Amino acid sequence: MNLAQLSYFVHLAKVQHYTKAARELNITQPALSHSISSLESELGCQLFRKEGRNVHLTEDGHAFQGYVERGLAEIEQGVSEIKRRQGMVSGIVEVGAIGTVRSLYLPSAMKAYRDENGPLVEFRITQGETASLRDKLEQGTCDLVITGPIDRPGVACTTLFHQRLVVAVNKDHPLASLDRVRYDNLIGHAVITYRRGITCGEVLEAFLEETNAPIDRLTLVRNYEDEVILGGLAVHESAVALTMLTSNLLPDPSLVVLPLDVEGSQDFYPVSLSYRSRAPHSPAVTSFIDFLSRFEAPPYVRDDFPVNA
């Protein structure tokens, strides 16, 4: 057996699908199948069993997985130590990220990290919502995720910054002349915002209740998932958008962003860094986690970013 076979085995165990694993490993599916078959022949046991289009580890596969992962981690640490002695960090970091951090925060953090630690760390980015990325973190598909808060046993969660809750309207809308918006100002307008069932929608639901919003007098249209569509509708349909201020909000000269004059609106949505606290991490992963904990978010995603008035 060789390192390539062992790496393929570990990746297939995480992905549980030959075609997807081969694509992510940049090899053909027959090559991956041959590699796993050769490994099974050498060990004298079956490592995977097929279930429909997916594969799952056998009992022997589970037992072997732990040893291989620890062995590969030790080798990666050895390589990283040599690079560290040369003033460089190397390795692969699997990062999961929600949409609101992928356009500015995460690219800025990666650039700053490479400026500080050299170009040898490879970042692999998985996108998704908080719930799906939480599952990938627990499954080991992601080394760390940048999402809404995750409260699970064995998961360390640290708040990186907060995203504000604001009101966005077209510059010709009657509300655009206000310096700030209170709940009373929204009465009589159709207010578009996040749908229930997604994390930010549930956070909004709790926030409205905690701040005694006059729900029975507000016309809330809760059909939307992100700031892209909320900002777009505010500009092109003159809707009133109750939205987070993120780098996804439509950059349009016709869009006016107004502070929501409600206590807690500036700290509305905590964006957090989460990782498995009990799992072994490579030096590259540990280094990036430490870096993010002290990285200052760019102005547009910080809670003190100036809004239009």
Foldseek 3Di string as FASTA:
>chain_A
DDPVLLVLLLQCQLVQAQCVSCVVVVHDSVVSVVSQVVVCVVVVHHQWDDDPRGIHGDPVVVVVNVVSVVVVLVVLQVVQVVVVVVQAGADEAEEEEEPQCVPAFVVVLVVVLCVRHNDHYHYHYHYDAPVVVVVSQVSVVGQKYWYFDDDDPQKDKDFLAAWFWWKKAFCPAPCVPDQAAELVNQFPAEEEEAAPPGDLNVLVVVVCVVQVRPVVRHRYDHDDHAQQVQQVCRHPVRHIYGHTQGPNHDPDPRMFIHHYPTPCRLRSTTTMMMGRNPDDDHPVSVSSVVSSNPDHGPLSRHSPNDGGD
